Amino acid sequence: MNTQALPAHVLLALVRAHSEGRSASLETIVDELKVRRTDVRGILSALHHEGFVDVLRMRPTLAGFALGRSLACVELPALRRPKLAVVRAA
């Protein structure tokens, strides 16, 4: 998993949920991104300490919302490497 791209994906998931009027939780983000709960929890804590997410309300701050909206306009790096096809010898 690409741990350097995970914060951008988590913030973007929060901003999308907020923009669509949905509530976001740790579970919804884990289900959407299909990553481990501990990884998302650590990223949310880091984003909270940096001032981009209010973890108590599970909402992006104004700075986090602005950053998340700008991330929506670019293609984010993949969270996982694509799987290689297995070639079987006949």
C-alpha atoms as a PDB file:
ATOM      1  CA  MET A   1       0.000   0.000   0.000  1.00  0.00           C
ATOM      2  CA  ASN A   2       1.181   3.492  -0.792  1.00  0.00           C
ATOM      3  CA  THR A   3       1.220   5.119   2.654  1.00  0.00           C
ATOM      4  CA  GLN A   4       2.254   8.488   1.218  1.00  0.00           C
ATOM      5  CA  ALA A   5      -0.931   8.716  -0.856  1.00  0.00           C
ATOM      6  CA  LEU A   6      -3.270   7.578   1.924  1.00  0.00           C
ATOM      7  CA  PRO A   7      -3.730  10.992   3.638  1.00  0.00           C
ATOM      8  CA  ALA A   8      -4.901  12.556   0.379  1.00  0.00           C
ATOM      9  CA  HIS A   9      -7.383   9.718  -0.195  1.00  0.00           C
ATOM     10  CA  VAL A  10      -8.727   9.956   3.362  1.00  0.00           C
ATOM     11  CA  LEU A  11      -9.157  13.732   3.165  1.00  0.00           C
ATOM     12  CA  LEU A  12     -10.825  13.463  -0.222  1.00  0.00           C
ATOM     13  CA  ALA A  13     -13.236  10.822   1.101  1.00  0.00           C
ATOM     14  CA  LEU A  14     -14.173  13.108   3.994  1.00  0.00           C
ATOM     15  CA  VAL A  15     -14.690  16.102   1.705  1.00  0.00           C
ATOM     16  CA  ARG A  16     -16.822  14.074  -0.714  1.00  0.00           C
ATOM     17  CA  ALA A  17     -19.019  12.822   2.115  1.00  0.00           C
ATOM     18  CA  HIS A  18     -19.398  16.341   3.490  1.00  0.00           C
ATOM     19  CA  SER A  19     -20.189  17.771   0.053  1.00  0.00           C
ATOM     20  CA  GLU A  20     -22.848  15.109  -0.543  1.00  0.00           C
ATOM     21  CA  GLY A  21     -24.404  15.689   2.876  1.00  0.00           C
ATOM     22  CA  ARG A  22     -23.471  12.224   4.140  1.00  0.00           C
ATOM     23  CA  SER A  23     -22.022  11.601   7.559  1.00  0.00           C
ATOM     24  CA  ALA A  24     -18.558  10.108   7.604  1.00  0.00           C
ATOM     25  CA  SER A  25     -17.132   7.756  10.186  1.00  0.00           C
ATOM     26  CA  LEU A  26     -14.052   5.646  10.550  1.00  0.00           C
ATOM     27  CA  GLU A  27     -16.016   2.660   9.247  1.00  0.00           C
ATOM     28  CA  THR A  28     -17.333   4.427   6.137  1.00  0.00           C
ATOM     29  CA  ILE A  29     -13.850   5.614   5.194  1.00  0.00           C
ATOM     30  CA  VAL A  30     -12.360   2.153   5.768  1.00  0.00           C
ATOM     31  CA  ASP A  31     -15.107   0.579   3.652  1.00  0.00           C
ATOM     32  CA  GLU A  32     -14.731   3.145   0.871  1.00  0.00           C
ATOM     33  CA  LEU A  33     -10.943   2.977   0.617  1.00  0.00           C
ATOM     34  CA  LYS A  34     -10.607  -0.710   1.562  1.00  0.00           C
ATOM     35  CA  VAL A  35      -7.622  -0.133   3.847  1.00  0.00           C
ATOM     36  CA  ARG A  36      -6.856  -1.175   7.417  1.00  0.00           C
ATOM     37  CA  ARG A  37      -8.662   0.597  10.227  1.00  0.00           C
ATOM     38  CA  THR A  38      -5.425   1.339  12.113  1.00  0.00           C
ATOM     39  CA  ASP A  39      -3.947   3.079   9.070  1.00  0.00           C
ATOM     40  CA  VAL A  40      -7.000   5.319   8.649  1.00  0.00           C
ATOM     41  CA  ARG A  41      -7.126   6.068  12.382  1.00  0.00           C
ATOM     42  CA  GLY A  42      -3.480   7.168  12.339  1.00  0.00           C
ATOM     43  CA  ILE A  43      -3.990   9.328   9.264  1.00  0.00           C
ATOM     44  CA  LEU A  44      -7.084  10.974  10.781  1.00  0.00           C
ATOM     45  CA  SER A  45      -5.125  11.761  13.947  1.00  0.00           C
ATOM     46  CA  ALA A  46      -2.307  13.302  11.922  1.00  0.00           C
ATOM     47  CA  LEU A  47      -4.741  15.353   9.825  1.00  0.00           C
ATOM     48  CA  HIS A  48      -6.438  16.503  13.038  1.00  0.00           C
ATOM     49  CA  HIS A  49      -3.123  17.639  14.540  1.00  0.00           C
ATOM     50  CA  GLU A  50      -2.276  19.487  11.326  1.00  0.00           C
ATOM     51  CA  GLY A  51      -5.630  21.289  11.386  1.00  0.00           C
ATOM     52  CA  PHE A  52      -7.249  19.722   8.318  1.00  0.00           C
ATOM     53  CA  VAL A  53      -9.848  17.515  10.042  1.00  0.00           C
ATOM     54  CA  ASP A  54     -11.996  17.882  13.151  1.00  0.00           C
ATOM     55  CA  VAL A  55     -11.953  14.293  14.370  1.00  0.00           C
ATOM     56  CA  LEU A  56     -14.560  14.865  17.087  1.00  0.00           C
ATOM     57  CA  ARG A  57     -17.126  15.811  14.456  1.00  0.00           C
ATOM     58  CA  MET A  58     -15.528  13.809  11.598  1.00  0.00           C
ATOM     59  CA  ARG A  59     -15.644  16.823   9.314  1.00  0.00           C
ATOM     60  CA  PRO A  60     -12.959  18.664   7.391  1.00  0.00           C
ATOM     61  CA  THR A  61     -11.979  22.093   8.662  1.00  0.00           C
ATOM     62  CA  LEU A  62     -12.074  25.038   6.287  1.00  0.00           C
ATOM     63  CA  ALA A  63      -8.425  24.466   5.361  1.00  0.00           C
ATOM     64  CA  GLY A  64      -9.079  20.740   4.956  1.00  0.00           C
ATOM     65  CA  PHE A  65     -12.141  21.372   2.813  1.00  0.00           C
ATOM     66  CA  ALA A  66     -10.183  23.729   0.533  1.00  0.00           C
ATOM     67  CA  LEU A  67      -7.335  21.231   0.230  1.00  0.00           C
ATOM     68  CA  GLY A  68      -9.748  18.365  -0.397  1.00  0.00           C
ATOM     69  CA  ARG A  69     -11.586  20.282  -3.120  1.00  0.00           C
ATOM     70  CA  SER A  70      -8.281  21.014  -4.841  1.00  0.00           C
ATOM     71  CA  LEU A  71      -7.368  17.313  -4.614  1.00  0.00           C
ATOM     72  CA  ALA A  72     -10.623  16.437  -6.367  1.00  0.00           C
ATOM     73  CA  CYS A  73      -9.307  18.140  -9.515  1.00  0.00           C
ATOM     74  CA  VAL A  74      -6.168  16.018  -9.826  1.00  0.00           C
ATOM     75  CA  GLU A  75      -5.549  12.317 -10.247  1.00  0.00           C
ATOM     76  CA  LEU A  76      -4.289  10.892  -6.964  1.00  0.00           C
ATOM     77  CA  PRO A  77      -1.628   8.181  -6.884  1.00  0.00           C
ATOM     78  CA  ALA A  78      -2.998   4.672  -6.556  1.00  0.00           C
ATOM     79  CA  LEU A  79      -3.198   3.209  -3.065  1.00  0.00           C
ATOM     80  CA  ARG A  80      -2.000  -0.175  -4.286  1.00  0.00           C
ATOM     81  CA  ARG A  81       0.178  -1.442  -7.079  1.00  0.00           C
ATOM     82  CA  PRO A  82      -1.728  -3.152  -9.870  1.00  0.00           C
ATOM     83  CA  LYS A  83      -1.632  -6.917  -9.679  1.00  0.00           C
ATOM     84  CA  LEU A  84       0.514  -8.653 -12.218  1.00  0.00           C
ATOM     85  CA  ALA A  85      -1.027 -11.286 -14.412  1.00  0.00           C
ATOM     86  CA  VAL A  86       0.122 -14.806 -13.706  1.00  0.00           C
ATOM     87  CA  VAL A  87       1.405 -16.621 -16.756  1.00  0.00           C
ATOM     88  CA  ARG A  88       1.113 -20.360 -16.591  1.00  0.00           C
ATOM     89  CA  ALA A  89       3.365 -22.600 -18.628  1.00  0.00           C
ATOM     90  CA  ALA A  90       1.442 -25.127 -20.679  1.00  0.00           C
END
